PDB file of N, CA and C in Angstrom:
ATOM      1  N   MET A   1      83.415 136.878  91.079  1.00  0.00           N
ATOM      2  CA  MET A   1      83.407 136.045  92.184  1.00  0.00           C
ATOM      3  C   MET A   1      84.668 136.106  93.188  1.00  0.00           C
ATOM      4  N   GLY A   2      84.356 136.072  94.310  1.00  0.00           N
ATOM      5  CA  GLY A   2      85.541 136.142  95.262  1.00  0.00           C
ATOM      6  C   GLY A   2      86.078 134.748  95.477  1.00  0.00           C
ATOM      7  N   LYS A   3      87.037 134.876  96.448  1.00  0.00           N
ATOM      8  CA  LYS A   3      87.944 133.590  96.772  1.00  0.00           C
ATOM      9  C   LYS A   3      87.127 132.727  97.488  1.00  0.00           C
ATOM     10  N   PRO A   4      87.331 131.329  97.340  1.00  0.00           N
ATOM     11  CA  PRO A   4      86.487 130.514  98.099  1.00  0.00           C
ATOM     12  C   PRO A   4      87.010 130.581  99.562  1.00  0.00           C
ATOM     13  N   LYS A   5      86.108 130.369 100.482  1.00  0.00           N
ATOM     14  CA  LYS A   5      86.383 130.429 101.978  1.00  0.00           C
ATOM     15  C   LYS A   5      87.230 129.313 102.646  1.00  0.00           C
ATOM     16  N   ARG A   6      88.084 129.588 103.422  1.00  0.00           N
ATOM     17  CA  ARG A   6      88.776 128.661 104.058  1.00  0.00           C
ATOM     18  C   ARG A   6      88.147 127.919 104.973  1.00  0.00           C
ATOM     19  N   LYS A   7      88.481 126.738 105.152  1.00  0.00           N
ATOM     20  CA  LYS A   7      87.852 125.829 106.357  1.00  0.00           C
ATOM     21  C   LYS A   7      88.703 126.348 107.676  1.00  0.00           C
ATOM     22  N   HIS A   8      87.841 126.483 108.622  1.00  0.00           N
ATOM     23  CA  HIS A   8      88.372 126.775 110.061  1.00  0.00           C
ATOM     24  C   HIS A   8      87.889 125.690 110.992  1.00  0.00           C
ATOM     25  N   GLU A   9      88.619 125.716 112.110  1.00  0.00           N
ATOM     26  CA  GLU A   9      88.299 124.864 113.221  1.00  0.00           C
ATOM     27  C   GLU A   9      88.352 125.750 114.407  1.00  0.00           C
ATOM     28  N   SER A  10      87.598 125.317 115.437  1.00  0.00           N
ATOM     29  CA  SER A  10      87.620 126.053 116.662  1.00  0.00           C
ATOM     30  C   SER A  10      88.130 125.045 117.825  1.00  0.00           C
ATOM     31  N   ASP A  11      88.787 125.768 118.625  1.00  0.00           N
ATOM     32  CA  ASP A  11      89.287 124.982 119.847  1.00  0.00           C
ATOM     33  C   ASP A  11      88.289 124.966 120.972  1.00  0.00           C
ATOM     34  N   SER A  12      88.652 124.540 122.097  1.00  0.00           N
ATOM     35  CA  SER A  12      87.763 124.321 123.176  1.00  0.00           C
ATOM     36  C   SER A  12      87.223 125.699 123.738  1.00  0.00           C
ATOM     37  N   ASP A  13      87.954 126.768 123.604  1.00  0.00           N
ATOM     38  CA  ASP A  13      87.502 127.987 124.067  1.00  0.00           C
ATOM     39  C   ASP A  13      86.549 128.769 122.950  1.00  0.00           C
ATOM     40  N   GLY A  14      86.395 128.044 121.879  1.00  0.00           N
ATOM     41  CA  GLY A  14      85.668 128.737 120.902  1.00  0.00           C
ATOM     42  C   GLY A  14      86.235 129.624 119.916  1.00  0.00           C
ATOM     43  N   GLU A  15      87.729 129.808 120.231  1.00  0.00           N
ATOM     44  CA  GLU A  15      88.482 130.651 119.285  1.00  0.00           C
ATOM     45  C   GLU A  15      88.608 129.923 118.054  1.00  0.00           C
ATOM     46  N   VAL A  16      88.406 130.597 116.980  1.00  0.00           N
ATOM     47  CA  VAL A  16      88.523 130.051 115.635  1.00  0.00           C
ATOM     48  C   VAL A  16      89.970 130.123 115.011  1.00  0.00           C
ATOM     49  N   LYS A  17      90.434 129.053 114.512  1.00  0.00           N
ATOM     50  CA  LYS A  17      91.717 128.939 114.039  1.00  0.00           C
ATOM     51  C   LYS A  17      91.925 128.355 112.614  1.00  0.00           C
ATOM     52  N   PRO A  18      92.694 128.770 111.575  1.00  0.00           N
ATOM     53  CA  PRO A  18      92.670 128.223 110.378  1.00  0.00           C
ATOM     54  C   PRO A  18      93.122 126.859 110.416  1.00  0.00           C
ATOM     55  N   ASN A  19      92.636 126.059 109.545  1.00  0.00           N
ATOM     56  CA  ASN A  19      93.025 124.687 109.443  1.00  0.00           C
ATOM     57  C   ASN A  19      94.343 124.498 108.665  1.00  0.00           C
ATOM     58  N   ILE A  20      95.479 124.506 109.458  1.00  0.00           N
ATOM     59  CA  ILE A  20      96.892 124.296 108.922  1.00  0.00           C
ATOM     60  C   ILE A  20      97.438 123.131 109.512  1.00  0.00           C
ATOM     61  N   ARG A  21      98.202 122.516 108.556  1.00  0.00           N
ATOM     62  CA  ARG A  21      98.958 121.265 109.114  1.00  0.00           C
ATOM     63  C   ARG A  21     100.065 121.581 109.942  1.00  0.00           C
ATOM     64  N   ASP A  22     100.186 120.825 110.927  1.00  0.00           N
ATOM     65  CA  ASP A  22     101.266 121.021 111.990  1.00  0.00           C
ATOM     66  C   ASP A  22     102.660 120.369 111.410  1.00  0.00           C
ATOM     67  N   ASP A  23     102.604 119.309 110.619  1.00  0.00           N
ATOM     68  CA  ASP A  23     103.890 118.731 110.067  1.00  0.00           C
ATOM     69  C   ASP A  23     104.131 119.320 108.693  1.00  0.00           C
ATOM     70  N   PRO A  24     105.546 119.680 108.545  1.00  0.00           N
ATOM     71  CA  PRO A  24     105.971 120.440 107.294  1.00  0.00           C
ATOM     72  C   PRO A  24     105.950 119.329 106.112  1.00  0.00           C
ATOM     73  N   PRO A  25     105.625 120.001 104.947  1.00  0.00           N
ATOM     74  CA  PRO A  25     105.653 119.195 103.733  1.00  0.00           C
ATOM     75  C   PRO A  25     106.951 118.366 103.497  1.00  0.00           C
ATOM     76  N   THR A  26     106.872 117.093 103.089  1.00  0.00           N
ATOM     77  CA  THR A  26     108.031 116.325 102.766  1.00  0.00           C
ATOM     78  C   THR A  26     108.661 116.742 101.414  1.00  0.00           C
ATOM     79  N   LYS A  27     109.959 116.482 101.368  1.00  0.00           N
ATOM     80  CA  LYS A  27     110.539 116.732 100.031  1.00  0.00           C
ATOM     81  C   LYS A  27     110.087 115.731  99.190  1.00  0.00           C
ATOM     82  N   ALA A  28     110.014 116.064  97.843  1.00  0.00           N
ATOM     83  CA  ALA A  28     109.527 115.237  96.699  1.00  0.00           C
ATOM     84  C   ALA A  28     110.845 114.231  96.635  1.00  0.00           C
ATOM     85  N   ARG A  29     110.492 112.896  96.370  1.00  0.00           N
ATOM     86  CA  ARG A  29     111.550 111.845  96.106  1.00  0.00           C
ATOM     87  C   ARG A  29     111.007 110.998  95.066  1.00  0.00           C
ATOM     88  N   LYS A  30     111.847 110.464  94.231  1.00  0.00           N
ATOM     89  CA  LYS A  30     111.365 109.561  93.116  1.00  0.00           C
ATOM     90  C   LYS A  30     110.962 108.288  93.684  1.00  0.00           C
ATOM     91  N   TRP A  31     110.043 107.701  92.923  1.00  0.00           N
ATOM     92  CA  TRP A  31     109.561 106.457  93.270  1.00  0.00           C
ATOM     93  C   TRP A  31     110.572 105.286  92.936  1.00  0.00           C
ATOM     94  N   THR A  32     110.675 104.333  93.818  1.00  0.00           N
ATOM     95  CA  THR A  32     111.671 103.325  93.535  1.00  0.00           C
ATOM     96  C   THR A  32     111.037 102.104  92.857  1.00  0.00           C
ATOM     97  N   GLY A  33     111.792 101.347  92.336  1.00  0.00           N
ATOM     98  CA  GLY A  33     111.115 100.144  91.671  1.00  0.00           C
ATOM     99  C   GLY A  33     110.268  99.267  92.562  1.00  0.00           C
ATOM    100  N   ASP A  34     110.874  99.126  93.711  1.00  0.00           N
ATOM    101  CA  ASP A  34     110.192  98.292  94.705  1.00  0.00           C
ATOM    102  C   ASP A  34     108.649  98.925  94.972  1.00  0.00           C
ATOM    103  N   GLU A  35     108.695 100.182  95.178  1.00  0.00           N
ATOM    104  CA  GLU A  35     107.414 101.041  95.377  1.00  0.00           C
ATOM    105  C   GLU A  35     106.306 100.826  94.289  1.00  0.00           C
ATOM    106  N   TYR A  36     106.947 100.838  93.067  1.00  0.00           N
ATOM    107  CA  TYR A  36     106.064 100.538  91.872  1.00  0.00           C
ATOM    108  C   TYR A  36     105.636  99.091  91.732  1.00  0.00           C
ATOM    109  N   GLN A  37     106.473  98.167  92.187  1.00  0.00           N
ATOM    110  CA  GLN A  37     105.987  96.922  92.122  1.00  0.00           C
ATOM    111  C   GLN A  37     104.909  96.553  93.175  1.00  0.00           C
ATOM    112  N   LEU A  38     105.196  97.235  94.389  1.00  0.00           N
ATOM    113  CA  LEU A  38     104.241  96.998  95.339  1.00  0.00           C
ATOM    114  C   LEU A  38     102.862  97.657  94.995  1.00  0.00           C
ATOM    115  N   LEU A  39     102.908  98.759  94.372  1.00  0.00           N
ATOM    116  CA  LEU A  39     101.622  99.586  94.106  1.00  0.00           C
ATOM    117  C   LEU A  39     100.879  98.603  92.889  1.00  0.00           C
ATOM    118  N   LEU A  40     101.679  98.039  91.916  1.00  0.00           N
ATOM    119  CA  LEU A  40     100.912  97.208  90.933  1.00  0.00           C
ATOM    120  C   LEU A  40     100.318  96.018  91.689  1.00  0.00           C
ATOM    121  N   LYS A  41     100.961  95.523  92.477  1.00  0.00           N
ATOM    122  CA  LYS A  41     100.534  94.252  93.404  1.00  0.00           C
ATOM    123  C   LYS A  41      99.249  94.560  94.114  1.00  0.00           C
ATOM    124  N   LEU A  42      99.269  95.911  94.784  1.00  0.00           N
ATOM    125  CA  LEU A  42      98.198  96.220  95.605  1.00  0.00           C
ATOM    126  C   LEU A  42      96.931  96.607  94.675  1.00  0.00           C
ATOM    127  N   VAL A  43      97.213  97.155  93.418  1.00  0.00           N
ATOM    128  CA  VAL A  43      96.103  97.516  92.594  1.00  0.00           C
ATOM    129  C   VAL A  43      95.326  96.207  92.173  1.00  0.00           C
ATOM    130  N   VAL A  44      96.199  95.247  91.816  1.00  0.00           N
ATOM    131  CA  VAL A  44      95.657  93.838  91.425  1.00  0.00           C
ATOM    132  C   VAL A  44      94.826  93.172  92.519  1.00  0.00           C
ATOM    133  N   GLU A  45      95.329  93.305  93.859  1.00  0.00           N
ATOM    134  CA  GLU A  45      94.682  92.641  94.692  1.00  0.00           C
ATOM    135  C   GLU A  45      93.449  93.334  95.353  1.00  0.00           C
ATOM    136  N   LYS A  46      93.538  94.740  95.398  1.00  0.00           N
ATOM    137  CA  LYS A  46      92.517  95.600  96.248  1.00  0.00           C
ATOM    138  C   LYS A  46      91.742  96.436  95.286  1.00  0.00           C
ATOM    139  N   GLY A  47      92.229  96.784  93.996  1.00  0.00           N
ATOM    140  CA  GLY A  47      91.732  97.713  93.292  1.00  0.00           C
ATOM    141  C   GLY A  47      92.369  99.102  93.586  1.00  0.00           C
ATOM    142  N   THR A  48      92.094 100.066  92.616  1.00  0.00           N
ATOM    143  CA  THR A  48      92.795 101.357  92.749  1.00  0.00           C
ATOM    144  C   THR A  48      92.636 102.135  94.030  1.00  0.00           C
ATOM    145  N   SER A  49      91.378 102.352  94.277  1.00  0.00           N
ATOM    146  CA  SER A  49      91.106 103.190  95.303  1.00  0.00           C
ATOM    147  C   SER A  49      91.804 102.749  96.772  1.00  0.00           C
ATOM    148  N   GLU A  50      91.698 101.372  97.037  1.00  0.00           N
ATOM    149  CA  GLU A  50      92.276 101.085  98.266  1.00  0.00           C
ATOM    150  C   GLU A  50      93.787 100.802  98.075  1.00  0.00           C
ATOM    151  N   ALA A  51      94.426 100.585  96.897  1.00  0.00           N
ATOM    152  CA  ALA A  51      95.848 100.478  96.808  1.00  0.00           C
ATOM    153  C   ALA A  51      96.322 101.813  97.017  1.00  0.00           C
ATOM    154  N   PHE A  52      95.752 102.870  96.408  1.00  0.00           N
ATOM    155  CA  PHE A  52      96.171 104.214  96.601  1.00  0.00           C
ATOM    156  C   PHE A  52      96.374 104.606  98.057  1.00  0.00           C
ATOM    157  N   LYS A  53      95.873 104.149  99.026  1.00  0.00           N
ATOM    158  CA  LYS A  53      95.872 104.239 100.375  1.00  0.00           C
ATOM    159  C   LYS A  53      96.735 103.497 101.085  1.00  0.00           C
ATOM    160  N   SER A  54      97.415 102.580 100.397  1.00  0.00           N
ATOM    161  CA  SER A  54      98.100 101.395 101.134  1.00  0.00           C
ATOM    162  C   SER A  54      99.703 101.364 100.842  1.00  0.00           C
ATOM    163  N   VAL A  55     100.278 102.238 100.099  1.00  0.00           N
ATOM    164  CA  VAL A  55     101.636 102.353  99.955  1.00  0.00           C
ATOM    165  C   VAL A  55     102.267 103.008 101.019  1.00  0.00           C
ATOM    166  N   PRO A  56     103.063 102.397 101.918  1.00  0.00           N
ATOM    167  CA  PRO A  56     103.787 103.159 102.994  1.00  0.00           C
ATOM    168  C   PRO A  56     104.731 104.307 102.624  1.00  0.00           C
ATOM    169  N   GLY A  57     104.633 105.316 103.263  1.00  0.00           N
ATOM    170  CA  GLY A  57     105.292 106.597 103.026  1.00  0.00           C
ATOM    171  C   GLY A  57     104.930 107.215 101.763  1.00  0.00           C
ATOM    172  N   ARG A  58     103.881 106.944 101.385  1.00  0.00           N
ATOM    173  CA  ARG A  58     103.222 107.790 100.223  1.00  0.00           C
ATOM    174  C   ARG A  58     101.774 108.187 100.508  1.00  0.00           C
ATOM    175  N   THR A  59     101.432 109.430  99.996  1.00  0.00           N
ATOM    176  CA  THR A  59      99.996 109.755 100.057  1.00  0.00           C
ATOM    177  C   THR A  59      99.198 109.218  99.079  1.00  0.00           C
ATOM    178  N   TYR A  60      97.909 109.271  99.314  1.00  0.00           N
ATOM    179  CA  TYR A  60      96.806 108.856  98.276  1.00  0.00           C
ATOM    180  C   TYR A  60      97.145 109.564  96.988  1.00  0.00           C
ATOM    181  N   ASN A  61      97.408 110.912  97.019  1.00  0.00           N
ATOM    182  CA  ASN A  61      97.563 111.595  95.614  1.00  0.00           C
ATOM    183  C   ASN A  61      98.833 111.287  95.069  1.00  0.00           C
ATOM    184  N   GLN A  62      99.948 111.004  95.928  1.00  0.00           N
ATOM    185  CA  GLN A  62     101.178 110.557  95.246  1.00  0.00           C
ATOM    186  C   GLN A  62     100.937 109.132  94.577  1.00  0.00           C
ATOM    187  N   THR A  63     100.302 108.234  95.073  1.00  0.00           N
ATOM    188  CA  THR A  63     100.124 106.830  94.435  1.00  0.00           C
ATOM    189  C   THR A  63      99.138 107.020  93.359  1.00  0.00           C
ATOM    190  N   ARG A  64      98.273 107.940  93.371  1.00  0.00           N
ATOM    191  CA  ARG A  64      97.376 108.083  92.185  1.00  0.00           C
ATOM    192  C   ARG A  64      98.060 108.684  91.054  1.00  0.00           C
ATOM    193  N   LEU A  65      98.797 109.685  91.251  1.00  0.00           N
ATOM    194  CA  LEU A  65      99.705 110.211  90.133  1.00  0.00           C
ATOM    195  C   LEU A  65     100.736 109.277  89.621  1.00  0.00           C
ATOM    196  N   ALA A  66     101.208 108.434  90.341  1.00  0.00           N
ATOM    197  CA  ALA A  66     102.293 107.331  89.966  1.00  0.00           C
ATOM    198  C   ALA A  66     101.565 106.350  89.094  1.00  0.00           C
ATOM    199  N   TRP A  67     100.334 106.119  89.428  1.00  0.00           N
ATOM    200  CA  TRP A  67      99.534 105.060  88.718  1.00  0.00           C
ATOM    201  C   TRP A  67      99.142 105.650  87.316  1.00  0.00           C
ATOM    202  N   ARG A  68      99.036 106.816  87.086  1.00  0.00           N
ATOM    203  CA  ARG A  68      98.666 107.219  85.829  1.00  0.00           C
ATOM    204  C   ARG A  68      99.381 106.954  84.682  1.00  0.00           C
TER     205      ARG A  68
END
């Protein structure tokens, strides 16, 4: 089997461009105690799925992995 196809997007001229993020990735940083406390509070109030979207400065995946 070959490699999976990349997703592409086209601009107004119909030119196809690869789907690449404009912003550079951020450097990994450790979670603070305050962030863990906020995550716990949000999980209790909203449930995991919504809490994972709600921690400022953290992505869904970062919060999901921190919760594990």
